Structures are given as structure tokens and as C-alpha cells.
PDB file of N, CA and C in Angstrom:
ATOM      1  N   MET A   1      87.990  19.133  15.335  1.00  0.00           N
ATOM      2  CA  MET A   1      87.984  19.952  16.520  1.00  0.00           C
ATOM      3  C   MET A   1      87.379  21.289  16.343  1.00  0.00           C
ATOM      4  N   LYS A   2      87.515  21.715  15.111  1.00  0.00           N
ATOM      5  CA  LYS A   2      86.891  23.023  14.862  1.00  0.00           C
ATOM      6  C   LYS A   2      85.388  22.924  15.159  1.00  0.00           C
ATOM      7  N   TYR A   3      84.903  21.823  14.802  1.00  0.00           N
ATOM      8  CA  TYR A   3      83.418  21.697  14.919  1.00  0.00           C
ATOM      9  C   TYR A   3      83.046  21.756  16.445  1.00  0.00           C
ATOM     10  N   ASN A   4      83.849  21.104  17.271  1.00  0.00           N
ATOM     11  CA  ASN A   4      83.575  21.057  18.739  1.00  0.00           C
ATOM     12  C   ASN A   4      83.776  22.497  19.345  1.00  0.00           C
ATOM     13  N   GLY A   5      84.763  23.212  18.795  1.00  0.00           N
ATOM     14  CA  GLY A   5      85.067  24.572  19.331  1.00  0.00           C
ATOM     15  C   GLY A   5      83.926  25.537  18.998  1.00  0.00           C
ATOM     16  N   GLU A   6      83.431  25.395  17.738  1.00  0.00           N
ATOM     17  CA  GLU A   6      82.318  26.293  17.341  1.00  0.00           C
ATOM     18  C   GLU A   6      81.051  25.941  18.141  1.00  0.00           C
ATOM     19  N   SER A   7      80.843  24.685  18.359  1.00  0.00           N
ATOM     20  CA  SER A   7      79.691  24.208  19.087  1.00  0.00           C
ATOM     21  C   SER A   7      79.730  24.697  20.536  1.00  0.00           C
ATOM     22  N   SER A   8      80.977  24.618  21.134  1.00  0.00           N
ATOM     23  CA  SER A   8      81.052  25.058  22.500  1.00  0.00           C
ATOM     24  C   SER A   8      80.915  26.582  22.674  1.00  0.00           C
ATOM     25  N   ARG A   9      81.367  27.296  21.600  1.00  0.00           N
ATOM     26  CA  ARG A   9      81.211  28.800  21.582  1.00  0.00           C
ATOM     27  C   ARG A   9      79.742  29.107  21.458  1.00  0.00           C
ATOM     28  N   ARG A  10      79.084  28.427  20.635  1.00  0.00           N
ATOM     29  CA  ARG A  10      77.547  28.663  20.436  1.00  0.00           C
ATOM     30  C   ARG A  10      76.847  28.369  21.718  1.00  0.00           C
ATOM     31  N   GLN A  11      77.275  27.258  22.306  1.00  0.00           N
ATOM     32  CA  GLN A  11      76.614  26.827  23.573  1.00  0.00           C
ATOM     33  C   GLN A  11      76.923  27.843  24.670  1.00  0.00           C
ATOM     34  N   SER A  12      78.101  28.305  24.715  1.00  0.00           N
ATOM     35  CA  SER A  12      78.391  29.319  25.821  1.00  0.00           C
ATOM     36  C   SER A  12      77.707  30.650  25.556  1.00  0.00           C
ATOM     37  N   SER A  13      77.606  31.032  24.313  1.00  0.00           N
ATOM     38  CA  SER A  13      76.950  32.287  24.066  1.00  0.00           C
ATOM     39  C   SER A  13      75.454  32.115  24.234  1.00  0.00           C
ATOM     40  N   THR A  14      74.897  30.942  23.997  1.00  0.00           N
ATOM     41  CA  THR A  14      73.429  30.678  24.252  1.00  0.00           C
ATOM     42  C   THR A  14      73.227  30.718  25.773  1.00  0.00           C
ATOM     43  N   GLU A  15      74.148  30.083  26.514  1.00  0.00           N
ATOM     44  CA  GLU A  15      74.004  30.086  27.942  1.00  0.00           C
ATOM     45  C   GLU A  15      74.167  31.480  28.531  1.00  0.00           C
ATOM     46  N   SER A  16      75.039  32.258  28.043  1.00  0.00           N
ATOM     47  CA  SER A  16      75.212  33.654  28.541  1.00  0.00           C
ATOM     48  C   SER A  16      73.978  34.465  28.207  1.00  0.00           C
ATOM     49  N   ALA A  17      73.379  34.234  27.016  1.00  0.00           N
ATOM     50  CA  ALA A  17      72.147  34.952  26.643  1.00  0.00           C
ATOM     51  C   ALA A  17      71.016  34.572  27.637  1.00  0.00           C
ATOM     52  N   LYS A  18      70.983  33.221  27.950  1.00  0.00           N
ATOM     53  CA  LYS A  18      69.950  32.772  28.851  1.00  0.00           C
ATOM     54  C   LYS A  18      70.093  33.416  30.223  1.00  0.00           C
ATOM     55  N   ARG A  19      71.400  33.450  30.698  1.00  0.00           N
ATOM     56  CA  ARG A  19      71.701  34.117  31.950  1.00  0.00           C
ATOM     57  C   ARG A  19      71.338  35.630  31.981  1.00  0.00           C
ATOM     58  N   LYS A  20      71.619  36.265  30.888  1.00  0.00           N
ATOM     59  CA  LYS A  20      71.224  37.695  30.787  1.00  0.00           C
ATOM     60  C   LYS A  20      69.732  37.855  30.846  1.00  0.00           C
ATOM     61  N   LEU A  21      69.054  36.967  30.094  1.00  0.00           N
ATOM     62  CA  LEU A  21      67.564  37.035  30.120  1.00  0.00           C
ATOM     63  C   LEU A  21      66.980  36.702  31.516  1.00  0.00           C
ATOM     64  N   LEU A  22      67.557  35.723  32.145  1.00  0.00           N
ATOM     65  CA  LEU A  22      67.076  35.397  33.499  1.00  0.00           C
ATOM     66  C   LEU A  22      67.338  36.573  34.477  1.00  0.00           C
ATOM     67  N   ARG A  23      68.488  37.212  34.343  1.00  0.00           N
ATOM     68  CA  ARG A  23      68.779  38.315  35.190  1.00  0.00           C
ATOM     69  C   ARG A  23      67.852  39.479  34.977  1.00  0.00           C
ATOM     70  N   GLY A  24      67.360  39.604  33.750  1.00  0.00           N
ATOM     71  CA  GLY A  24      66.468  40.699  33.397  1.00  0.00           C
ATOM     72  C   GLY A  24      65.034  40.465  33.837  1.00  0.00           C
ATOM     73  N   ILE A  25      64.660  39.173  34.026  1.00  0.00           N
ATOM     74  CA  ILE A  25      63.234  38.838  34.341  1.00  0.00           C
ATOM     75  C   ILE A  25      62.841  39.476  35.665  1.00  0.00           C
ATOM     76  N   PRO A  26      63.610  39.355  36.767  1.00  0.00           N
ATOM     77  CA  PRO A  26      63.205  39.926  38.032  1.00  0.00           C
ATOM     78  C   PRO A  26      63.063  41.491  37.850  1.00  0.00           C
ATOM     79  N   GLY A  27      63.929  42.086  37.011  1.00  0.00           N
ATOM     80  CA  GLY A  27      63.826  43.537  36.786  1.00  0.00           C
ATOM     81  C   GLY A  27      62.539  43.883  36.104  1.00  0.00           C
ATOM     82  N   VAL A  28      62.121  43.070  35.169  1.00  0.00           N
ATOM     83  CA  VAL A  28      60.911  43.319  34.448  1.00  0.00           C
ATOM     84  C   VAL A  28      59.720  43.199  35.362  1.00  0.00           C
ATOM     85  N   PHE A  29      59.694  42.180  36.223  1.00  0.00           N
ATOM     86  CA  PHE A  29      58.640  41.996  37.204  1.00  0.00           C
ATOM     87  C   PHE A  29      58.628  43.185  38.155  1.00  0.00           C
ATOM     88  N   PHE A  30      59.789  43.629  38.566  1.00  0.00           N
ATOM     89  CA  PHE A  30      59.874  44.763  39.505  1.00  0.00           C
ATOM     90  C   PHE A  30      59.287  46.013  38.875  1.00  0.00           C
ATOM     91  N   VAL A  31      59.577  46.218  37.597  1.00  0.00           N
ATOM     92  CA  VAL A  31      59.041  47.411  36.876  1.00  0.00           C
ATOM     93  C   VAL A  31      57.513  47.261  36.802  1.00  0.00           C
ATOM     94  N   HIS A  32      57.008  46.063  36.493  1.00  0.00           N
ATOM     95  CA  HIS A  32      55.549  45.913  36.468  1.00  0.00           C
ATOM     96  C   HIS A  32      54.903  46.113  37.779  1.00  0.00           C
ATOM     97  N   ILE A  33      55.550  45.674  38.812  1.00  0.00           N
ATOM     98  CA  ILE A  33      55.009  45.929  40.184  1.00  0.00           C
ATOM     99  C   ILE A  33      54.987  47.407  40.520  1.00  0.00           C
ATOM    100  N   ILE A  34      56.070  48.114  40.186  1.00  0.00           N
ATOM    101  CA  ILE A  34      56.080  49.565  40.438  1.00  0.00           C
ATOM    102  C   ILE A  34      55.022  50.276  39.627  1.00  0.00           C
ATOM    103  N   ILE A  35      54.884  49.939  38.346  1.00  0.00           N
ATOM    104  CA  ILE A  35      53.870  50.529  37.529  1.00  0.00           C
ATOM    105  C   ILE A  35      52.407  50.250  38.129  1.00  0.00           C
ATOM    106  N   GLY A  36      52.207  49.029  38.496  1.00  0.00           N
ATOM    107  CA  GLY A  36      50.948  48.604  39.136  1.00  0.00           C
ATOM    108  C   GLY A  36      50.659  49.396  40.397  1.00  0.00           C
ATOM    109  N   LEU A  37      51.681  49.545  41.235  1.00  0.00           N
ATOM    110  CA  LEU A  37      51.493  50.329  42.508  1.00  0.00           C
ATOM    111  C   LEU A  37      51.181  51.853  42.160  1.00  0.00           C
ATOM    112  N   ILE A  38      51.849  52.391  41.184  1.00  0.00           N
ATOM    113  CA  ILE A  38      51.589  53.749  40.808  1.00  0.00           C
ATOM    114  C   ILE A  38      50.166  53.911  40.296  1.00  0.00           C
ATOM    115  N   LEU A  39      49.768  52.993  39.444  1.00  0.00           N
ATOM    116  CA  LEU A  39      48.354  52.996  38.905  1.00  0.00           C
ATOM    117  C   LEU A  39      47.344  52.898  40.053  1.00  0.00           C
ATOM    118  N   ALA A  40      47.589  51.975  40.946  1.00  0.00           N
ATOM    119  CA  ALA A  40      46.669  51.738  42.065  1.00  0.00           C
ATOM    120  C   ALA A  40      46.644  52.992  42.985  1.00  0.00           C
ATOM    121  N   SER A  41      47.776  53.681  43.150  1.00  0.00           N
ATOM    122  CA  SER A  41      47.800  54.886  43.918  1.00  0.00           C
ATOM    123  C   SER A  41      46.958  55.983  43.276  1.00  0.00           C
ATOM    124  N   VAL A  42      47.161  56.147  41.983  1.00  0.00           N
ATOM    125  CA  VAL A  42      46.468  57.154  41.214  1.00  0.00           C
ATOM    126  C   VAL A  42      44.933  56.903  41.269  1.00  0.00           C
ATOM    127  N   LEU A  43      44.571  55.671  41.140  1.00  0.00           N
ATOM    128  CA  LEU A  43      43.140  55.250  41.244  1.00  0.00           C
ATOM    129  C   LEU A  43      42.573  55.554  42.596  1.00  0.00           C
ATOM    130  N   PHE A  44      43.338  55.202  43.633  1.00  0.00           N
ATOM    131  CA  PHE A  44      42.909  55.441  45.015  1.00  0.00           C
ATOM    132  C   PHE A  44      42.729  56.908  45.262  1.00  0.00           C
ATOM    133  N   LEU A  45      43.684  57.783  44.810  1.00  0.00           N
ATOM    134  CA  LEU A  45      43.539  59.205  44.952  1.00  0.00           C
ATOM    135  C   LEU A  45      42.361  59.731  44.201  1.00  0.00           C
ATOM    136  N   PHE A  46      42.092  59.240  43.029  1.00  0.00           N
ATOM    137  CA  PHE A  46      40.915  59.651  42.242  1.00  0.00           C
ATOM    138  C   PHE A  46      39.662  59.300  43.002  1.00  0.00           C
ATOM    139  N   VAL A  47      39.541  58.095  43.511  1.00  0.00           N
ATOM    140  CA  VAL A  47      38.355  57.711  44.272  1.00  0.00           C
ATOM    141  C   VAL A  47      38.148  58.580  45.500  1.00  0.00           C
ATOM    142  N   ILE A  48      39.198  58.885  46.197  1.00  0.00           N
ATOM    143  CA  ILE A  48      39.079  59.833  47.361  1.00  0.00           C
ATOM    144  C   ILE A  48      38.613  61.218  46.907  1.00  0.00           C
ATOM    145  N   GLU A  49      39.145  61.705  45.834  1.00  0.00           N
ATOM    146  CA  GLU A  49      38.719  63.012  45.322  1.00  0.00           C
ATOM    147  C   GLU A  49      37.257  62.999  44.933  1.00  0.00           C
ATOM    148  N   VAL A  50      36.820  61.955  44.294  1.00  0.00           N
ATOM    149  CA  VAL A  50      35.373  61.890  43.903  1.00  0.00           C
ATOM    150  C   VAL A  50      34.506  61.861  45.162  1.00  0.00           C
ATOM    151  N   ALA A  51      34.959  61.106  46.180  1.00  0.00           N
ATOM    152  CA  ALA A  51      34.185  61.015  47.431  1.00  0.00           C
ATOM    153  C   ALA A  51      34.113  62.371  48.099  1.00  0.00           C
ATOM    154  N   ASN A  52      35.193  63.128  48.192  1.00  0.00           N
ATOM    155  CA  ASN A  52      35.284  64.439  48.753  1.00  0.00           C
ATOM    156  C   ASN A  52      34.409  65.387  47.961  1.00  0.00           C
ATOM    157  N   ASN A  53      34.417  65.279  46.689  1.00  0.00           N
ATOM    158  CA  ASN A  53      33.518  66.183  45.841  1.00  0.00           C
ATOM    159  C   ASN A  53      32.048  65.852  46.133  1.00  0.00           C
ATOM    160  N   ASN A  54      31.756  64.565  46.234  1.00  0.00           N
ATOM    161  CA  ASN A  54      30.333  64.242  46.556  1.00  0.00           C
ATOM    162  C   ASN A  54      29.933  64.775  47.911  1.00  0.00           C
ATOM    163  N   ALA A  55      30.816  64.672  48.907  1.00  0.00           N
ATOM    164  CA  ALA A  55      30.482  65.196  50.236  1.00  0.00           C
ATOM    165  C   ALA A  55      30.280  66.722  50.174  1.00  0.00           C
ATOM    166  N   GLU A  56      31.200  67.364  49.467  1.00  0.00           N
ATOM    167  CA  GLU A  56      31.080  68.885  49.320  1.00  0.00           C
ATOM    168  C   GLU A  56      29.819  69.204  48.559  1.00  0.00           C
ATOM    169  N   LEU A  57      29.405  68.446  47.573  1.00  0.00           N
ATOM    170  CA  LEU A  57      28.188  68.748  46.858  1.00  0.00           C
ATOM    171  C   LEU A  57      26.964  68.593  47.774  1.00  0.00           C
ATOM    172  N   LYS A  58      26.997  67.546  48.568  1.00  0.00           N
ATOM    173  CA  LYS A  58      25.928  67.286  49.527  1.00  0.00           C
ATOM    174  C   LYS A  58      25.776  68.528  50.464  1.00  0.00           C
ATOM    175  N   ARG A  59      26.930  68.918  51.038  1.00  0.00           N
ATOM    176  CA  ARG A  59      26.905  70.097  51.977  1.00  0.00           C
ATOM    177  C   ARG A  59      26.366  71.354  51.282  1.00  0.00           C
ATOM    178  N   SER A  60      26.797  71.578  50.036  1.00  0.00           N
ATOM    179  CA  SER A  60      26.366  72.741  49.282  1.00  0.00           C
ATOM    180  C   SER A  60      24.852  72.656  49.017  1.00  0.00           C
ATOM    181  N   ASN A  61      24.360  71.451  48.646  1.00  0.00           N
ATOM    182  CA  ASN A  61      22.879  71.305  48.547  1.00  0.00           C
ATOM    183  C   ASN A  61      22.089  71.569  49.750  1.00  0.00           C
ATOM    184  N   GLU A  62      22.680  71.083  50.858  1.00  0.00           N
ATOM    185  CA  GLU A  62      21.939  71.295  52.190  1.00  0.00           C
ATOM    186  C   GLU A  62      21.970  72.799  52.476  1.00  0.00           C
ATOM    187  N   ALA A  63      23.049  73.469  52.237  1.00  0.00           N
ATOM    188  CA  ALA A  63      23.112  74.928  52.473  1.00  0.00           C
ATOM    189  C   ALA A  63      22.131  75.689  51.561  1.00  0.00           C
ATOM    190  N   LEU A  64      22.071  75.264  50.291  1.00  0.00           N
ATOM    191  CA  LEU A  64      21.151  75.881  49.308  1.00  0.00           C
ATOM    192  C   LEU A  64      19.715  75.650  49.778  1.00  0.00           C
ATOM    193  N   ALA A  65      19.376  74.487  50.285  1.00  0.00           N
ATOM    194  CA  ALA A  65      17.985  74.304  50.766  1.00  0.00           C
ATOM    195  C   ALA A  65      17.640  75.114  51.953  1.00  0.00           C
ATOM    196  N   ALA A  66      18.662  75.293  52.849  1.00  0.00           N
ATOM    197  CA  ALA A  66      18.409  76.140  54.017  1.00  0.00           C
ATOM    198  C   ALA A  66      18.198  77.609  53.624  1.00  0.00           C
ATOM    199  N   ILE A  67      19.016  78.035  52.621  1.00  0.00           N
ATOM    200  CA  ILE A  67      18.889  79.420  52.108  1.00  0.00           C
ATOM    201  C   ILE A  67      17.541  79.633  51.455  1.00  0.00           C
ATOM    202  N   GLU A  68      17.112  78.626  50.656  1.00  0.00           N
ATOM    203  CA  GLU A  68      15.824  78.680  49.974  1.00  0.00           C
ATOM    204  C   GLU A  68      14.615  78.767  50.966  1.00  0.00           C
ATOM    205  N   LEU A  69      14.773  77.954  52.026  1.00  0.00           N
ATOM    206  CA  LEU A  69      13.709  78.011  53.097  1.00  0.00           C
ATOM    207  C   LEU A  69      13.650  79.364  53.747  1.00  0.00           C
ATOM    208  N   GLU A  70      14.860  79.910  54.053  1.00  0.00           N
ATOM    209  CA  GLU A  70      14.891  81.236  54.636  1.00  0.00           C
ATOM    210  C   GLU A  70      14.332  82.289  53.713  1.00  0.00           C
ATOM    211  N   GLU A  71      14.594  82.116  52.392  1.00  0.00           N
ATOM    212  CA  GLU A  71      14.068  83.114  51.443  1.00  0.00           C
ATOM    213  C   GLU A  71      12.545  83.044  51.410  1.00  0.00           C
ATOM    214  N   ARG A  72      11.989  81.840  51.454  1.00  0.00           N
ATOM    215  CA  ARG A  72      10.511  81.691  51.475  1.00  0.00           C
ATOM    216  C   ARG A  72       9.867  82.331  52.743  1.00  0.00           C
ATOM    217  N   GLN A  73      10.588  82.105  53.893  1.00  0.00           N
ATOM    218  CA  GLN A  73      10.113  82.727  55.141  1.00  0.00           C
ATOM    219  C   GLN A  73      10.181  84.222  55.092  1.00  0.00           C
ATOM    220  N   LEU A  74      11.245  84.769  54.555  1.00  0.00           N
ATOM    221  CA  LEU A  74      11.378  86.216  54.448  1.00  0.00           C
ATOM    222  C   LEU A  74      10.359  86.764  53.471  1.00  0.00           C
ATOM    223  N   ALA A  75      10.033  86.010  52.385  1.00  0.00           N
ATOM    224  CA  ALA A  75       9.059  86.526  51.403  1.00  0.00           C
ATOM    225  C   ALA A  75       7.652  86.594  52.050  1.00  0.00           C
ATOM    226  N   LEU A  76       7.353  85.587  52.899  1.00  0.00           N
ATOM    227  CA  LEU A  76       6.022  85.602  53.651  1.00  0.00           C
ATOM    228  C   LEU A  76       6.002  86.799  54.597  1.00  0.00           C
ATOM    229  N   GLU A  77       7.104  86.938  55.304  1.00  0.00           N
ATOM    230  CA  GLU A  77       7.101  88.062  56.261  1.00  0.00           C
ATOM    231  C   GLU A  77       7.072  89.364  55.550  1.00  0.00           C
ATOM    232  N   ASN A  78       7.716  89.480  54.399  1.00  0.00           N
ATOM    233  CA  ASN A  78       7.703  90.657  53.576  1.00  0.00           C
ATOM    234  C   ASN A  78       6.237  90.970  53.127  1.00  0.00           C
ATOM    235  N   GLU A  79       5.493  89.953  52.659  1.00  0.00           N
ATOM    236  CA  GLU A  79       4.103  90.100  52.297  1.00  0.00           C
ATOM    237  C   GLU A  79       3.294  90.637  53.404  1.00  0.00           C
ATOM    238  N   GLN A  80       3.482  90.074  54.598  1.00  0.00           N
ATOM    239  CA  GLN A  80       2.702  90.515  55.793  1.00  0.00           C
ATOM    240  C   GLN A  80       3.033  91.983  56.087  1.00  0.00           C
ATOM    241  N   LEU A  81       4.330  92.305  56.061  1.00  0.00           N
ATOM    242  CA  LEU A  81       4.639  93.726  56.360  1.00  0.00           C
ATOM    243  C   LEU A  81       4.133  94.695  55.324  1.00  0.00           C
ATOM    244  N   GLU A  82       4.136  94.262  54.059  1.00  0.00           N
ATOM    245  CA  GLU A  82       3.500  95.113  53.048  1.00  0.00           C
ATOM    246  C   GLU A  82       2.021  95.280  53.289  1.00  0.00           C
ATOM    247  N   SER A  83       1.295  94.232  53.651  1.00  0.00           N
ATOM    248  CA  SER A  83      -0.106  94.401  53.901  1.00  0.00           C
ATOM    249  C   SER A  83      -0.293  95.294  55.152  1.00  0.00           C
ATOM    250  N   TYR A  84       0.541  95.245  56.148  1.00  0.00           N
ATOM    251  CA  TYR A  84       0.432  96.150  57.279  1.00  0.00           C
ATOM    252  C   TYR A  84       0.706  97.596  56.847  1.00  0.00           C
ATOM    253  N   SER A  85       1.746  97.791  55.977  1.00  0.00           N
ATOM    254  CA  SER A  85       2.101  99.130  55.593  1.00  0.00           C
ATOM    255  C   SER A  85       1.034  99.808  54.689  1.00  0.00           C
ATOM    256  N   ASN A  86       0.166  98.956  54.038  1.00  0.00           N
ATOM    257  CA  ASN A  86      -0.870  99.500  53.239  1.00  0.00           C
ATOM    258  C   ASN A  86      -2.072  99.879  54.041  1.00  0.00           C
ATOM    259  N   GLY A  87      -2.072  99.710  55.422  1.00  0.00           N
ATOM    260  CA  GLY A  87      -3.153 100.067  56.216  1.00  0.00           C
ATOM    261  C   GLY A  87      -3.979  98.859  56.588  1.00  0.00           C
ATOM    262  N   GLU A  88      -3.828  97.750  55.915  1.00  0.00           N
ATOM    263  CA  GLU A  88      -4.541  96.529  56.171  1.00  0.00           C
ATOM    264  C   GLU A  88      -4.000  95.880  57.378  1.00  0.00           C
ATOM    265  N   ASN A  89      -4.830  95.489  58.369  1.00  0.00           N
ATOM    266  CA  ASN A  89      -4.443  94.735  59.522  1.00  0.00           C
ATOM    267  C   ASN A  89      -3.293  95.462  60.323  1.00  0.00           C
ATOM    268  N   PHE A  90      -3.345  96.796  60.371  1.00  0.00           N
ATOM    269  CA  PHE A  90      -2.279  97.554  61.074  1.00  0.00           C
ATOM    270  C   PHE A  90      -2.393  97.270  62.549  1.00  0.00           C
ATOM    271  N   ASP A  91      -3.620  97.243  63.129  1.00  0.00           N
ATOM    272  CA  ASP A  91      -3.719  97.052  64.585  1.00  0.00           C
ATOM    273  C   ASP A  91      -3.255  95.622  64.917  1.00  0.00           C
ATOM    274  N   GLU A  92      -3.501  94.732  64.013  1.00  0.00           N
ATOM    275  CA  GLU A  92      -3.026  93.303  64.249  1.00  0.00           C
ATOM    276  C   GLU A  92      -1.478  93.289  64.248  1.00  0.00           C
ATOM    277  N   PHE A  93      -0.871  94.032  63.456  1.00  0.00           N
ATOM    278  CA  PHE A  93       0.518  94.076  63.342  1.00  0.00           C
ATOM    279  C   PHE A  93       1.136  94.723  64.634  1.00  0.00           C
ATOM    280  N   ILE A  94       0.539  95.735  65.094  1.00  0.00           N
ATOM    281  CA  ILE A  94       1.011  96.409  66.322  1.00  0.00           C
ATOM    282  C   ILE A  94       0.849  95.481  67.533  1.00  0.00           C
ATOM    283  N   GLU A  95      -0.282  94.736  67.593  1.00  0.00           N
ATOM    284  CA  GLU A  95      -0.520  93.867  68.685  1.00  0.00           C
ATOM    285  C   GLU A  95       0.501  92.680  68.659  1.00  0.00           C
ATOM    286  N   ARG A  96       0.720  92.135  67.446  1.00  0.00           N
ATOM    287  CA  ARG A  96       1.649  90.995  67.357  1.00  0.00           C
ATOM    288  C   ARG A  96       3.040  91.465  67.704  1.00  0.00           C
ATOM    289  N   HIS A  97       3.447  92.624  67.234  1.00  0.00           N
ATOM    290  CA  HIS A  97       4.823  93.109  67.548  1.00  0.00           C
ATOM    291  C   HIS A  97       4.963  93.333  69.093  1.00  0.00           C
ATOM    292  N   ALA A  98       3.900  93.937  69.741  1.00  0.00           N
ATOM    293  CA  ALA A  98       3.952  94.176  71.131  1.00  0.00           C
ATOM    294  C   ALA A  98       4.023  92.883  71.906  1.00  0.00           C
ATOM    295  N   ARG A  99       3.300  91.831  71.491  1.00  0.00           N
ATOM    296  CA  ARG A  99       3.283  90.555  72.249  1.00  0.00           C
ATOM    297  C   ARG A  99       4.640  89.764  71.999  1.00  0.00           C
ATOM    298  N   ASP A 100       4.940  89.570  70.711  1.00  0.00           N
ATOM    299  CA  ASP A 100       6.064  88.753  70.400  1.00  0.00           C
ATOM    300  C   ASP A 100       7.442  89.361  70.686  1.00  0.00           C
ATOM    301  N   ASP A 101       7.597  90.616  70.285  1.00  0.00           N
ATOM    302  CA  ASP A 101       8.918  91.227  70.300  1.00  0.00           C
ATOM    303  C   ASP A 101       9.181  91.980  71.617  1.00  0.00           C
ATOM    304  N   MET A 102       8.148  92.511  72.218  1.00  0.00           N
ATOM    305  CA  MET A 102       8.286  93.377  73.347  1.00  0.00           C
ATOM    306  C   MET A 102       7.823  92.709  74.702  1.00  0.00           C
ATOM    307  N   GLY A 103       7.052  91.553  74.534  1.00  0.00           N
ATOM    308  CA  GLY A 103       6.639  90.889  75.759  1.00  0.00           C
ATOM    309  C   GLY A 103       5.450  91.453  76.429  1.00  0.00           C
ATOM    310  N   TYR A 104       4.632  92.289  75.752  1.00  0.00           N
ATOM    311  CA  TYR A 104       3.505  92.901  76.369  1.00  0.00           C
ATOM    312  C   TYR A 104       2.321  91.968  76.320  1.00  0.00           C
ATOM    313  N   ALA A 105       1.288  92.260  77.141  1.00  0.00           N
ATOM    314  CA  ALA A 105       0.055  91.474  77.173  1.00  0.00           C
ATOM    315  C   ALA A 105      -1.090  92.437  77.402  1.00  0.00           C
ATOM    316  N   ASP A 106      -2.284  91.954  77.148  1.00  0.00           N
ATOM    317  CA  ASP A 106      -3.501  92.732  77.417  1.00  0.00           C
ATOM    318  C   ASP A 106      -3.632  92.835  78.929  1.00  0.00           C
ATOM    319  N   PRO A 107      -4.310  93.909  79.435  1.00  0.00           N
ATOM    320  CA  PRO A 107      -4.456  94.045  80.876  1.00  0.00           C
ATOM    321  C   PRO A 107      -5.277  92.903  81.488  1.00  0.00           C
ATOM    322  N   GLN A 108      -6.210  92.322  80.708  1.00  0.00           N
ATOM    323  CA  GLN A 108      -7.022  91.222  81.297  1.00  0.00           C
ATOM    324  C   GLN A 108      -6.312  89.824  81.260  1.00  0.00           C
ATOM    325  N   GLU A 109      -5.195  89.794  80.655  1.00  0.00           N
ATOM    326  CA  GLU A 109      -4.477  88.489  80.515  1.00  0.00           C
ATOM    327  C   GLU A 109      -3.523  88.232  81.634  1.00  0.00           C
ATOM    328  N   ARG A 110      -3.300  86.984  81.972  1.00  0.00           N
ATOM    329  CA  ARG A 110      -2.285  86.635  82.905  1.00  0.00           C
ATOM    330  C   ARG A 110      -1.096  85.978  82.100  1.00  0.00           C
ATOM    331  N   VAL A 111       0.051  86.392  82.379  1.00  0.00           N
ATOM    332  CA  VAL A 111       1.210  85.913  81.644  1.00  0.00           C
ATOM    333  C   VAL A 111       1.996  85.023  82.543  1.00  0.00           C
ATOM    334  N   TYR A 112       2.216  83.778  82.048  1.00  0.00           N
ATOM    335  CA  TYR A 112       3.024  82.762  82.733  1.00  0.00           C
ATOM    336  C   TYR A 112       4.263  82.557  81.976  1.00  0.00           C
ATOM    337  N   ARG A 113       5.373  82.715  82.698  1.00  0.00           N
ATOM    338  CA  ARG A 113       6.697  82.566  82.020  1.00  0.00           C
ATOM    339  C   ARG A 113       7.278  81.143  82.551  1.00  0.00           C
ATOM    340  N   VAL A 114       7.673  80.396  81.650  1.00  0.00           N
ATOM    341  CA  VAL A 114       8.277  79.059  81.930  1.00  0.00           C
ATOM    342  C   VAL A 114       9.714  79.100  81.472  1.00  0.00           C
ATOM    343  N   ASN A 115      10.556  78.755  82.446  1.00  0.00           N
ATOM    344  CA  ASN A 115      11.997  78.765  82.069  1.00  0.00           C
ATOM    345  C   ASN A 115      12.546  77.309  81.925  1.00  0.00           C
TER     346      ASN A 115
END
């Protein structure tokens, strides 16, 4: 009988160990799912951050290109003004300023304004 008692104790302890293991399996899967969701969220946030940085970089490059274009235009205008201030083409400068900025015309010209 001792033998049967020991066998039944072993069997019951084995069954209880199996039950504990089976109870722990859903918990392990749950932990893996939570970790997976956390990693997926972190990856998603990283991808969004990279996309935002690329968009910001594109806007910055466009702004830089616009500033460089304006700089070239101002450099050309500066060269023209320097040539006028040196006495070269001074009459041309006065005429251009009168026509473009002040709206004047030669007496022999007819001015048509289109709105």
C-alpha cells in the first residue's frame, strides 16, 4: 500500500505542477502580447518622428532655396546700384526709377493702364 500511496502522491504532485504550468501559459502569452504591442507602438512613434523630420527638412530646404534666390537678386540689384553710384548709366537709373517706381512716362509716350 505504501507503494500505491507514494505513486498517488507523485501523480497528484505532477498533476498540480501541470495545472500550475497551464495556468501560467496564458499569462506568458499575455506578457508577450503586451511587450509586442509596446514595441510596435515605439516603432510606430519612431516612424512618425522620422516622417515629421523629413517634412521639416524639406520645408527648411525650400526656405533656404528661396532665401538664396532672394540673395542673388539683391546682389544683382546691388551691382546695378553700385554702377549707377559710380556715375555709369546714371541717366538710365533715373529713368528706370521714374518709370517703374513713380509711374512717369516720356511726354511723347501714351500710357495705358490695365486693371
